[in-house]
Protein backbone atom coordinates (compact mmCIF):
# COMPACT_ATOMS: atom_id res chain seq x y z
CA MET A 1 4.99 -75.09 -0.28
CA PHE A 2 5.43 -74.27 -3.89
CA PHE A 3 8.28 -76.00 -5.68
CA TRP A 4 10.02 -74.84 -8.69
CA LYS A 5 9.89 -76.89 -11.88
CA ARG A 6 13.30 -78.52 -12.96
CA SER A 7 14.52 -77.16 -16.32
CA LYS A 8 15.43 -79.60 -18.97
CA THR A 9 16.75 -77.10 -21.43
CA LYS A 10 20.59 -77.18 -22.13
CA PRO A 11 22.75 -74.11 -22.67
CA LYS A 12 22.81 -73.23 -26.31
CA LEU A 13 25.99 -73.03 -27.71
CA ARG A 14 27.13 -70.42 -30.20
CA LYS A 15 27.53 -71.42 -33.66
CA SER A 16 31.02 -71.45 -34.96
CA GLY A 17 31.85 -69.45 -38.05
CA ILE A 18 34.50 -69.97 -40.80
CA THR A 19 37.83 -71.35 -39.60
CA LEU A 20 40.83 -69.06 -40.26
CA HIS A 21 42.89 -69.67 -43.53
CA PRO A 22 46.41 -70.73 -43.03
CA SER A 23 47.33 -67.74 -45.21
CA LEU A 24 47.43 -64.52 -43.34
CA ALA A 25 46.88 -62.53 -46.43
CA ARG A 26 43.66 -64.26 -47.18
CA SER A 27 42.57 -64.18 -43.39
CA LEU A 28 43.10 -60.42 -43.36
CA GLN A 29 41.23 -59.79 -46.49
CA HIS A 30 38.38 -61.61 -45.01
CA PHE A 31 38.25 -59.67 -42.03
CA LYS A 32 38.84 -56.37 -43.98
CA GLU A 33 36.08 -56.90 -46.71
CA HIS A 34 33.45 -59.18 -45.02
CA VAL A 35 33.77 -59.15 -41.31
CA PHE A 36 34.91 -55.26 -40.59
CA SER A 37 33.83 -53.89 -43.94
CA ASN A 38 33.29 -49.92 -44.03
CA ASP A 39 34.51 -49.70 -40.42
CA ASP A 40 37.33 -47.34 -39.91
CA THR A 41 37.60 -47.95 -36.07
CA ILE A 42 39.37 -51.30 -36.62
CA ASN A 43 43.00 -51.13 -36.44
CA TYR A 44 45.57 -53.54 -38.36
CA ARG A 45 49.11 -53.59 -37.15
CA GLU A 46 51.28 -55.58 -39.40
CA PHE A 47 54.84 -56.68 -38.40
CA LYS A 48 57.33 -59.63 -38.66
CA THR A 49 59.28 -61.76 -36.30
CA GLN A 50 63.03 -61.85 -36.18
CA GLU A 51 65.14 -63.68 -38.61
CA PRO A 52 65.93 -66.40 -39.93
CA ARG A 53 62.42 -67.76 -39.45
CA ALA A 54 60.84 -64.39 -39.84
CA ARG A 55 56.77 -64.68 -40.00
CA ALA A 56 54.34 -62.13 -40.93
CA CYS A 57 51.99 -61.20 -38.10
CA VAL A 58 48.90 -58.63 -37.74
CA LEU A 59 47.44 -57.32 -34.71
CA ILE A 60 43.74 -56.45 -34.99
CA TYR A 61 41.98 -54.41 -32.27
CA ALA A 62 39.04 -51.59 -32.17
CA GLU A 63 40.10 -48.18 -31.59
CA ASN A 64 39.09 -46.47 -28.35
CA MET A 65 38.07 -50.01 -26.92
CA SER A 66 41.58 -51.49 -26.44
CA ASN A 67 44.57 -50.38 -24.29
CA GLU A 68 47.16 -49.72 -27.02
CA GLU A 69 50.05 -49.31 -24.55
CA MET A 70 49.24 -52.76 -23.05
CA LEU A 71 49.11 -54.39 -26.48
CA SER A 72 52.33 -52.84 -27.40
CA ASN A 73 54.32 -53.65 -24.40
CA TYR A 74 52.93 -57.27 -23.65
CA LEU A 75 52.34 -58.48 -27.06
CA VAL A 76 53.75 -56.54 -30.24
CA ARG A 77 57.22 -56.03 -28.50
CA PRO A 78 57.83 -59.62 -27.14
CA VAL A 79 56.68 -61.08 -30.72
CA LEU A 80 58.84 -58.68 -32.57
CA SER A 81 61.82 -59.88 -30.67
CA CYS A 82 61.17 -63.39 -30.61
CA SER A 83 62.44 -66.11 -33.33
CA LEU A 84 60.00 -68.88 -33.92
CA PRO A 85 61.29 -72.53 -33.86
CA ARG A 86 61.36 -74.51 -36.84
CA LYS A 87 58.17 -76.57 -36.23
CA ARG A 88 55.56 -77.61 -38.89
CA LYS A 89 52.53 -77.76 -36.86
CA ASP A 90 50.75 -74.28 -36.55
CA LEU A 91 49.17 -75.22 -33.20
CA GLU A 92 52.96 -75.64 -31.73
CA ILE A 93 53.73 -72.24 -32.92
CA ILE A 94 50.69 -70.76 -31.32
CA ASP A 95 51.42 -72.66 -28.06
CA HIS A 96 55.09 -71.23 -28.15
CA LEU A 97 53.87 -67.78 -28.31
CA VAL A 98 51.07 -68.23 -25.65
CA THR A 99 53.45 -70.18 -23.22
CA ARG A 100 56.92 -68.40 -23.88
CA VAL A 101 56.55 -65.31 -25.56
CA ILE A 102 53.44 -63.06 -24.93
CA GLN A 103 53.79 -61.51 -21.20
CA SER A 104 50.22 -61.61 -20.19
CA ASP A 105 48.05 -64.03 -18.11
CA ALA A 106 44.60 -62.85 -20.09
CA VAL A 107 45.73 -65.11 -23.21
CA HIS A 108 43.63 -67.62 -24.93
CA VAL A 109 43.22 -69.14 -28.59
CA ARG A 110 40.35 -68.95 -30.94
CA ARG A 111 39.87 -70.64 -34.28
CA ASP A 112 37.26 -69.02 -36.33
CA TYR A 113 36.26 -65.58 -37.72
CA THR A 114 33.13 -65.21 -35.61
CA GLU A 115 34.75 -65.86 -32.06
CA LEU A 116 37.66 -63.63 -33.16
CA ALA A 117 35.49 -60.75 -34.42
CA ASP A 118 33.43 -60.93 -31.12
CA GLU A 119 36.80 -60.59 -29.15
CA VAL A 120 37.74 -57.52 -31.14
CA ILE A 121 34.27 -55.96 -30.65
CA GLY A 122 34.66 -56.66 -26.95
CA GLY A 123 38.09 -54.68 -26.62
CA SER A 124 40.41 -57.36 -27.00
CA GLY A 125 43.58 -57.60 -29.25
CA VAL A 126 43.73 -60.37 -31.73
CA LEU A 127 47.07 -61.67 -33.12
CA LEU A 128 47.23 -63.60 -36.46
CA VAL A 129 50.28 -65.42 -37.48
CA ASP A 130 51.00 -66.51 -41.03
CA GLY A 131 50.69 -70.21 -41.44
CA CYS A 132 48.56 -70.73 -38.44
CA THR A 133 44.75 -71.39 -38.43
CA ALA A 134 44.29 -70.17 -34.87
CA GLY A 135 44.34 -66.47 -33.62
CA ILE A 136 45.70 -65.45 -30.23
CA VAL A 137 43.43 -63.42 -28.12
CA ILE A 138 44.63 -60.97 -25.42
CA LYS A 139 42.37 -59.27 -22.90
CA ALA A 140 43.09 -55.46 -23.21
CA GLN A 141 39.95 -53.85 -22.63
CA ASP A 142 40.09 -50.06 -21.96
CA TRP A 143 37.03 -47.80 -22.42
CA PRO A 144 35.82 -44.90 -20.58
CA LYS A 145 34.27 -45.93 -17.27
CA ARG A 146 32.26 -44.39 -14.61
CA SER A 147 33.91 -44.42 -11.01
CA VAL A 148 32.06 -45.99 -8.13
CA VAL A 149 30.02 -43.46 -6.34
CA GLU A 150 27.13 -43.14 -4.05
CA PRO A 151 23.81 -44.35 -5.53
CA VAL A 152 21.66 -41.73 -6.90
CA ALA A 153 18.38 -43.50 -6.58
CA GLU A 154 18.94 -45.09 -3.18
CA ASN A 155 20.38 -42.72 -0.68
CA VAL A 156 21.12 -43.52 2.95
CA VAL A 157 21.74 -41.60 6.18
CA ARG A 158 23.88 -44.59 7.65
CA GLY A 159 25.27 -47.31 5.50
CA PRO A 160 27.66 -48.03 2.81
CA ARG A 161 28.08 -45.14 0.07
CA GLN A 162 28.99 -47.37 -2.76
CA GLY A 163 26.89 -48.01 -5.81
CA PHE A 164 27.13 -50.32 -8.89
CA THR A 165 28.32 -48.64 -11.95
CA GLU A 166 27.48 -49.67 -15.84
CA GLU A 167 30.54 -52.09 -15.82
CA MET A 168 29.50 -55.56 -14.99
CA GLY A 169 32.95 -56.59 -13.78
CA ALA A 170 33.21 -53.88 -11.21
CA ASN A 171 29.74 -54.73 -10.11
CA ILE A 172 30.75 -58.35 -9.55
CA SER A 173 33.76 -57.27 -7.74
CA LEU A 174 31.79 -55.16 -5.51
CA LEU A 175 29.63 -58.27 -4.65
CA ARG A 176 32.68 -60.20 -3.98
CA ARG A 177 34.16 -57.81 -1.55
CA LYS A 178 30.89 -58.06 0.25
CA ILE A 179 30.74 -61.91 0.30
CA LYS A 180 34.40 -63.30 0.55
CA SER A 181 33.34 -66.84 0.11
CA THR A 182 34.38 -69.51 -2.54
CA LYS A 183 30.44 -70.54 -2.47
CA LEU A 184 29.78 -67.21 -4.46
CA LYS A 185 29.37 -68.26 -7.92
CA THR A 186 29.15 -66.32 -11.04
CA LYS A 187 27.86 -67.81 -14.63
CA TYR A 188 28.07 -65.70 -17.81
CA LEU A 189 25.77 -65.50 -20.71
CA GLU A 190 25.29 -63.34 -23.90
CA ILE A 191 21.83 -62.17 -24.77
CA GLY A 192 21.23 -59.98 -27.99
CA LYS A 193 21.86 -61.04 -31.49
CA GLN A 194 23.37 -57.68 -32.43
CA THR A 195 24.46 -56.34 -28.83
CA SER A 196 25.91 -59.52 -27.53
CA THR A 197 25.34 -58.13 -23.99
CA SER A 198 27.05 -59.87 -21.37
CA VAL A 199 24.78 -61.05 -18.53
CA ALA A 200 26.12 -62.67 -15.32
CA VAL A 201 24.10 -64.91 -12.86
CA VAL A 202 25.31 -64.64 -9.33
CA PHE A 203 24.21 -66.87 -6.59
CA VAL A 204 25.68 -68.39 -3.41
CA GLU A 205 26.01 -72.20 -3.61
CA GLY A 206 24.29 -74.18 -0.92
CA LEU A 207 21.93 -71.23 -0.06
CA ALA A 208 20.09 -70.68 -3.36
CA ALA A 209 17.82 -73.53 -4.41
CA PRO A 210 19.05 -75.46 -7.38
CA ASN A 211 15.80 -75.45 -9.09
CA LEU A 212 15.47 -71.68 -8.83
CA VAL A 213 18.97 -71.45 -10.35
CA ALA A 214 17.88 -73.70 -13.14
CA GLU A 215 14.71 -71.80 -13.76
CA VAL A 216 16.71 -68.47 -13.97
CA PHE A 217 18.92 -69.94 -16.78
CA ARG A 218 16.02 -71.44 -18.49
CA ARG A 219 14.27 -68.16 -18.78
CA LEU A 220 17.36 -66.42 -19.84
CA GLU A 221 18.23 -68.81 -22.67
CA THR A 222 14.88 -68.46 -24.05
CA ILE A 223 15.40 -64.67 -24.86
CA GLN A 224 15.69 -64.02 -28.50
CA ILE A 225 16.26 -60.25 -29.17
CA ASP A 226 18.27 -57.95 -31.18
CA GLY A 227 19.64 -55.94 -28.34
CA VAL A 228 19.64 -55.53 -24.52
CA LEU A 229 20.51 -52.09 -23.48
CA GLU A 230 19.24 -51.99 -19.95
CA SER A 231 18.39 -54.71 -17.35
CA ALA A 232 14.55 -53.66 -17.67
CA TYR A 233 14.49 -55.44 -21.09
CA ILE A 234 15.49 -58.78 -19.42
CA GLU A 235 13.23 -57.81 -16.35
CA GLU A 236 10.20 -57.60 -18.92
CA LEU A 237 10.99 -60.79 -20.78
CA ILE A 238 11.44 -63.08 -17.70
CA ARG A 239 9.14 -61.55 -15.14
CA ASP A 240 5.95 -63.46 -13.74
CA SER A 241 2.46 -61.96 -14.46
CA PRO A 242 3.75 -59.55 -17.21
CA ASN A 243 0.23 -57.74 -17.36
CA SER A 244 0.16 -56.88 -13.56
CA PRO A 245 1.36 -53.46 -12.31
CA LEU A 246 3.06 -54.79 -9.36
CA PRO A 247 6.96 -55.66 -9.70
CA THR A 248 7.89 -59.30 -9.37
CA ILE A 249 11.70 -58.77 -9.82
CA GLY A 250 13.66 -56.66 -7.77
CA SER A 251 16.09 -54.16 -8.95
CA THR A 252 18.68 -52.03 -6.95
CA GLU A 253 21.84 -50.28 -7.58
CA ARG A 254 23.27 -50.95 -4.03
CA PRO A 255 25.91 -53.68 -3.62
CA ASP A 256 24.79 -54.20 0.10
CA THR A 257 21.38 -54.87 -0.82
CA VAL A 258 22.16 -57.55 -3.29
CA ALA A 259 24.65 -59.22 -1.06
CA ALA A 260 21.84 -59.39 1.60
CA ARG A 261 19.44 -61.06 -0.86
CA LEU A 262 22.17 -63.42 -2.01
CA LEU A 263 22.69 -64.40 1.63
CA GLU A 264 18.92 -65.27 1.87
CA GLY A 265 19.03 -67.65 -1.04
CA ARG A 266 18.12 -65.51 -3.88
CA VAL A 267 19.69 -65.10 -7.30
CA ALA A 268 21.12 -61.74 -8.75
CA ILE A 269 21.25 -60.96 -12.56
CA VAL A 270 23.99 -58.56 -13.39
CA VAL A 271 23.76 -56.95 -16.76
CA ASP A 272 26.64 -55.18 -18.50
CA GLY A 273 25.91 -51.51 -19.15
CA THR A 274 23.60 -50.56 -16.39
CA PRO A 275 23.96 -49.97 -12.66
CA PHE A 276 20.75 -51.75 -11.75
CA VAL A 277 21.08 -55.33 -10.71
CA LEU A 278 18.18 -57.59 -10.74
CA THR A 279 17.26 -59.97 -7.92
CA VAL A 280 14.74 -62.86 -7.95
CA PRO A 281 12.54 -64.05 -6.33
CA PHE A 282 10.84 -60.78 -5.29
CA PHE A 283 8.03 -60.41 -2.72
CA PHE A 284 5.39 -57.64 -2.14
CA LEU A 285 6.70 -56.87 1.34
CA GLU A 286 10.21 -56.63 -0.08
CA ALA A 287 8.99 -53.33 -1.52
CA PHE A 288 8.45 -51.91 1.94
CA GLN A 289 11.89 -52.92 3.15
CA ALA A 290 15.01 -50.70 3.21
CA ASN A 291 18.66 -51.64 3.72
CA GLU A 292 18.76 -48.85 6.30
CA ASP A 293 16.40 -50.58 8.45
CA TYR A 294 19.13 -53.09 9.37
CA TYR A 295 21.68 -50.45 10.04
CA LYS A 296 19.64 -48.54 12.89
CA ASN A 297 17.82 -49.83 16.04
CA TRP A 298 15.38 -52.47 15.52
CA LEU A 299 12.66 -50.31 17.08
CA SER A 300 13.33 -47.28 14.73
CA GLY A 301 13.62 -49.75 11.87
CA SER A 302 10.16 -51.27 12.55
CA PHE A 303 8.59 -47.90 12.89
CA ASP A 304 9.83 -46.81 9.61
CA ARG A 305 8.55 -49.88 8.20
CA PHE A 306 5.12 -49.49 9.47
CA LEU A 307 5.23 -45.84 8.33
CA ARG A 308 5.77 -47.11 4.73
CA TYR A 309 2.84 -49.20 4.95
CA PHE A 310 0.58 -46.42 6.18
CA CYS A 311 2.02 -44.12 3.47
CA PHE A 312 1.22 -46.79 0.85
CA PHE A 313 -2.40 -47.06 2.20
CA LEU A 314 -2.65 -42.84 1.92
CA THR A 315 -1.14 -42.75 -1.59
CA ILE A 316 -3.73 -45.20 -2.93
CA ALA A 317 -6.83 -44.68 -0.91
CA THR A 318 -6.89 -41.13 0.24
CA PRO A 319 -8.53 -39.57 -2.82
CA ALA A 320 -11.05 -42.45 -3.07
CA LEU A 321 -11.90 -41.97 0.65
CA TYR A 322 -12.22 -38.24 0.23
CA VAL A 323 -14.71 -38.72 -2.76
CA SER A 324 -16.71 -41.51 -1.20
CA LEU A 325 -17.17 -39.53 2.00
CA ILE A 326 -18.11 -36.33 0.39
CA ASN A 327 -20.53 -37.68 -2.03
CA TYR A 328 -22.04 -40.81 -0.27
CA HIS A 329 -21.19 -40.94 3.32
CA PRO A 330 -21.14 -37.16 4.63
CA GLN A 331 -22.62 -38.43 7.93
CA LEU A 332 -19.48 -40.07 8.85
CA LEU A 333 -17.78 -36.75 9.10
CA PRO A 334 -17.94 -34.24 11.90
CA THR A 335 -20.51 -31.47 11.32
CA GLU A 336 -18.04 -28.64 11.40
CA LEU A 337 -15.58 -30.63 8.96
CA ILE A 338 -18.35 -31.24 6.34
CA LEU A 339 -19.54 -27.45 6.63
CA SER A 340 -16.04 -26.23 6.16
CA ILE A 341 -15.75 -28.67 3.08
CA SER A 342 -18.87 -27.52 1.64
CA SER A 343 -18.25 -23.81 1.90
CA ALA A 344 -14.61 -24.42 0.19
CA ARG A 345 -16.47 -26.29 -2.79
CA ALA A 346 -19.57 -23.84 -2.96
CA ASN A 347 -18.28 -22.02 -6.08
CA VAL A 348 -16.34 -25.19 -7.68
CA PRO A 349 -18.45 -26.06 -10.90
CA PHE A 350 -16.89 -29.91 -11.02
CA PRO A 351 -17.58 -32.87 -9.10
CA SER A 352 -15.19 -34.00 -6.51
CA VAL A 353 -13.99 -37.01 -8.68
CA VAL A 354 -13.19 -34.79 -11.61
CA GLU A 355 -11.16 -32.52 -9.15
CA ALA A 356 -9.11 -35.33 -7.64
CA ALA A 357 -8.51 -37.07 -11.23
CA ALA A 358 -7.38 -33.71 -12.71
CA MET A 359 -5.18 -32.73 -9.81
CA THR A 360 -3.64 -36.34 -9.61
CA LEU A 361 -2.86 -36.09 -13.44
CA MET A 362 -1.54 -32.65 -13.09
CA PHE A 363 0.93 -33.63 -10.41
CA GLU A 364 1.97 -36.65 -12.51
CA ILE A 365 2.67 -34.32 -15.33
CA LEU A 366 4.81 -32.09 -13.18
CA ARG A 367 6.72 -35.11 -11.75
CA GLU A 368 7.38 -36.49 -15.29
CA GLY A 369 8.51 -33.12 -16.47
CA GLY A 370 10.82 -32.56 -13.38
CA ILE A 371 12.29 -36.03 -14.06
CA ARG A 372 13.03 -35.19 -17.92
CA LEU A 373 14.42 -31.82 -17.61
CA PRO A 374 18.04 -31.05 -16.56
CA GLN A 375 18.21 -31.48 -12.68
CA PRO A 376 18.61 -27.84 -11.61
CA VAL A 377 15.73 -26.74 -13.91
CA GLY A 378 13.58 -29.72 -13.25
CA GLN A 379 13.43 -29.24 -9.50
CA ALA A 380 12.56 -25.63 -9.89
CA ILE A 381 9.79 -26.41 -12.48
CA SER A 382 8.45 -29.06 -10.10
CA ILE A 383 8.03 -26.88 -6.92
CA VAL A 384 7.09 -23.64 -8.77
CA GLY A 385 4.73 -25.24 -10.89
CA ALA A 386 2.99 -27.24 -8.09
CA VAL A 387 2.86 -24.08 -6.10
CA VAL A 388 1.68 -21.70 -8.66
CA LEU A 389 -0.68 -23.92 -10.38
CA GLY A 390 -2.15 -25.01 -7.10
CA ASP A 391 -2.88 -21.61 -5.80
CA ALA A 392 -4.19 -20.22 -9.04
CA ALA A 393 -6.62 -23.17 -9.41
CA VAL A 394 -7.90 -22.33 -6.05
CA SER A 395 -8.19 -18.54 -6.45
CA ALA A 396 -10.08 -19.25 -9.99
CA ASN A 397 -12.60 -21.80 -8.08
CA LEU A 398 -11.54 -24.66 -10.38
CA VAL A 399 -10.47 -26.76 -7.43
CA SER A 400 -11.36 -26.65 -3.79
CA ALA A 401 -8.60 -26.07 -1.37
CA PRO A 402 -9.30 -29.39 0.72
CA MET A 403 -8.67 -31.29 -2.68
CA ILE A 404 -5.36 -29.58 -2.83
CA ILE A 405 -4.41 -30.81 0.60
CA ILE A 406 -5.69 -34.41 -0.24
CA VAL A 407 -3.55 -34.70 -3.48
CA GLY A 408 -0.51 -33.12 -1.71
CA ILE A 409 -0.92 -35.88 1.19
CA THR A 410 -1.32 -38.56 -1.70
CA SER A 411 1.55 -37.55 -3.75
CA VAL A 412 4.18 -37.10 -0.84
CA SER A 413 3.10 -40.41 0.62
CA GLY A 414 3.98 -42.08 -2.72
CA PHE A 415 7.50 -40.86 -2.43
CA VAL A 416 8.03 -42.86 0.72
CA VAL A 417 7.49 -46.10 -1.00
CA PRO A 418 9.54 -45.60 -4.47
CA ARG A 419 9.49 -49.09 -5.43
CA LEU A 420 5.60 -49.27 -5.81
CA GLN A 421 5.30 -45.59 -6.89
CA ASP A 422 4.39 -46.37 -10.47
CA SER A 423 1.95 -49.06 -9.35
CA ALA A 424 0.32 -46.87 -6.85
CA VAL A 425 -0.74 -44.37 -9.63
CA LEU A 426 -2.77 -47.08 -11.32
CA ILE A 427 -4.38 -48.61 -8.13
CA ARG A 428 -5.06 -45.10 -7.08
CA MET A 429 -7.23 -44.17 -10.23
CA ILE A 430 -8.97 -47.42 -10.02
CA LEU A 431 -10.03 -47.09 -6.41
CA LEU A 432 -11.04 -43.44 -7.31
CA LEU A 433 -13.27 -44.53 -10.04
CA LEU A 434 -14.96 -47.27 -7.94
CA ALA A 435 -15.38 -44.62 -4.98
CA ALA A 436 -17.23 -42.29 -7.38
CA VAL A 437 -19.54 -44.87 -8.50
CA LEU A 438 -20.22 -47.09 -5.42
CA GLY A 439 -18.72 -45.01 -2.48
CA LEU A 440 -17.12 -46.89 0.51
CA TYR A 441 -18.55 -50.11 -1.01
CA GLY A 442 -16.43 -49.49 -4.29
CA ILE A 443 -13.25 -49.18 -2.26
CA VAL A 444 -13.91 -52.39 -0.42
CA PHE A 445 -14.54 -54.15 -3.72
CA GLY A 446 -11.38 -52.69 -5.05
CA ALA A 447 -9.42 -53.81 -1.88
CA ILE A 448 -10.62 -57.24 -2.44
CA GLY A 449 -9.61 -57.28 -5.84
CA PHE A 450 -6.27 -56.07 -4.98
CA LEU A 451 -5.83 -58.86 -2.42
CA LEU A 452 -6.84 -61.31 -4.98
CA GLN A 453 -4.38 -60.05 -7.33
CA LEU A 454 -1.55 -60.30 -4.64
CA ALA A 455 -2.57 -63.79 -3.72
CA SER A 456 -2.35 -64.98 -7.50
CA ILE A 457 1.00 -63.51 -8.26
CA GLU A 458 4.18 -65.68 -8.05
CA SER A 459 7.71 -64.89 -8.51
CA PHE A 460 9.76 -67.47 -9.89
CA GLY A 461 7.37 -69.94 -8.46
CA VAL A 462 7.32 -68.33 -4.99
CA PRO A 463 3.80 -66.84 -3.87
CA TYR A 464 4.29 -63.13 -3.93
CA LEU A 465 2.83 -62.93 -0.15
CA SER A 466 5.38 -65.54 1.07
CA GLY A 467 6.18 -64.78 4.64
CA LEU A 468 3.01 -62.60 5.26
CA ALA A 469 0.59 -65.80 5.53
CA SER A 470 3.10 -67.80 7.51
CA PHE A 471 1.92 -69.06 11.07
CA SER A 472 5.76 -69.48 11.88
CA ALA A 473 7.35 -66.94 14.23
CA GLN A 474 10.71 -67.29 12.31
CA GLU A 475 9.05 -66.80 9.00
CA SER A 476 7.32 -63.66 10.25
CA GLN A 477 10.30 -61.82 11.83
CA ASP A 478 11.32 -59.66 9.01
CA THR A 479 7.88 -59.08 7.46
CA LEU A 480 5.62 -56.48 9.01
CA PHE A 481 8.30 -55.49 11.46
CA ARG A 482 12.10 -55.74 11.81
CA ALA A 483 13.16 -58.07 14.69
CA PRO A 484 16.35 -57.84 16.39
CA GLN A 485 19.28 -59.46 14.76
CA TRP A 486 19.70 -61.93 17.63
CA LEU A 487 16.33 -63.38 16.95
CA MET A 488 16.56 -63.82 13.14
CA THR A 489 18.58 -67.01 13.54
CA ARG A 490 17.12 -68.77 10.44
CA ARG A 491 16.59 -67.90 6.72
CA PRO A 492 13.09 -68.14 5.26
CA LYS A 493 12.13 -71.65 4.46
CA PHE A 494 10.67 -70.74 1.14
CA LEU A 495 13.96 -69.10 0.08
CA SER A 496 16.56 -71.47 1.30
CA PRO A 497 15.15 -74.70 2.40
CA GLY A 498 18.56 -76.55 2.41
CA ASN A 499 20.60 -74.30 4.62
CA ARG A 500 18.60 -72.23 7.03
CA VAL A 501 20.76 -71.36 9.75
CA ARG A 502 21.78 -67.75 9.80
CA LEU A 503 23.16 -67.03 13.05
CA ARG A 504 24.00 -69.07 16.08
CA SER A 505 22.93 -66.86 18.93
CA ASN A 506 24.70 -66.87 22.37
CA ARG A 507 22.35 -64.74 24.04
CA SER A 508 20.60 -66.11 27.11
């Protein structure tokens, strides 16, 4: 059993900036001339409290980032109508405003310009009071949001239709709706010197290994980058085996999928601004699993899973097998079949390997073009382009008809396993080149190299093929096939060694 290394890195604290000046005029000048200079989106609302102890105040907030109505009703109006007590200490004045005047629960105090500026940029309102060296922050974020809709990239026939959005708070709330337990823990970080992107690490206490959680924080805290615009930034910076084409970190936009992985003892990484949530560790067999496998009969789910394995084999090996059999081992094919293929290739001037490589490349071009174009146009271009180009190539004797069939089978099979689609393209081309040089022996050598690559990869300290090489019946019940729910009574040992009981079955 492979164990994680315990992290010795302590969380890094954000360095404080300059403390607020007691003079409101000087503090306001510093904000306008140094912190938010040349920025017309920052609004300054100046007003005073009631007499006889009137104090000048200013509300700072970002336009189109804060809820102005909320700031007016819960902060400005109460402060305008209040009379501050005759106390000398500024902290007592701040405490009086927070506890007795401001009508909001989302209130806290900050003392320096850096922290206050971050709050304003994040959509909060900041209240400065003359004579006080601390500012009052009220959470009033209000920016354009996308509603919770069905996931675009992971559709299901049966199952929840909710998908993650670009707002991290909404994503965490979706997870809490799935796992209503006090054991579900969430810890926040900020990554990116310029973007200050909020990142949340979510795990179930008691199920996730403490060393795994520590390793996740260690890798996240070592990231030094200007900006994080999508979870793929973090995925590439913290993943194992960065030069491998195979994914070692899972990503999904389905809350039920993330909840299922959290209950297995994994850790989720939620990044603000993207609907794709990362999960670690990630295994090779996980790419062939779908959440819908668990929403249908276990026999149907197991059949679908075996179908994905078969389609993955087809998408990476079909062109290589065709080229090797045609060029090196025609005796392995029936006589009628080899004669039919030979007649189809009689007028083709290019070798079979050139045919296969060219048609594979052409299909990838059509697929990429269909993705980048607007959706209605992209679908039409992909379908019409594939049909027209394939028919024209056969009619012009540039490509044989059997090769069109081979490339079609290869391409359609790749869509069955979308998580490995990009990896399959590279593996397919390597096997094709080996088959063109060595025939079936090249495919065998390529398969051995691929298995060695799988065996050498780890995902956050856990072997990439975990579960597949286990001789335990419990560990193998959700790998090559999907066992019935009443038999999967324990969690995988390599994920949750502390608490393995998943189900207490009453079946006889």
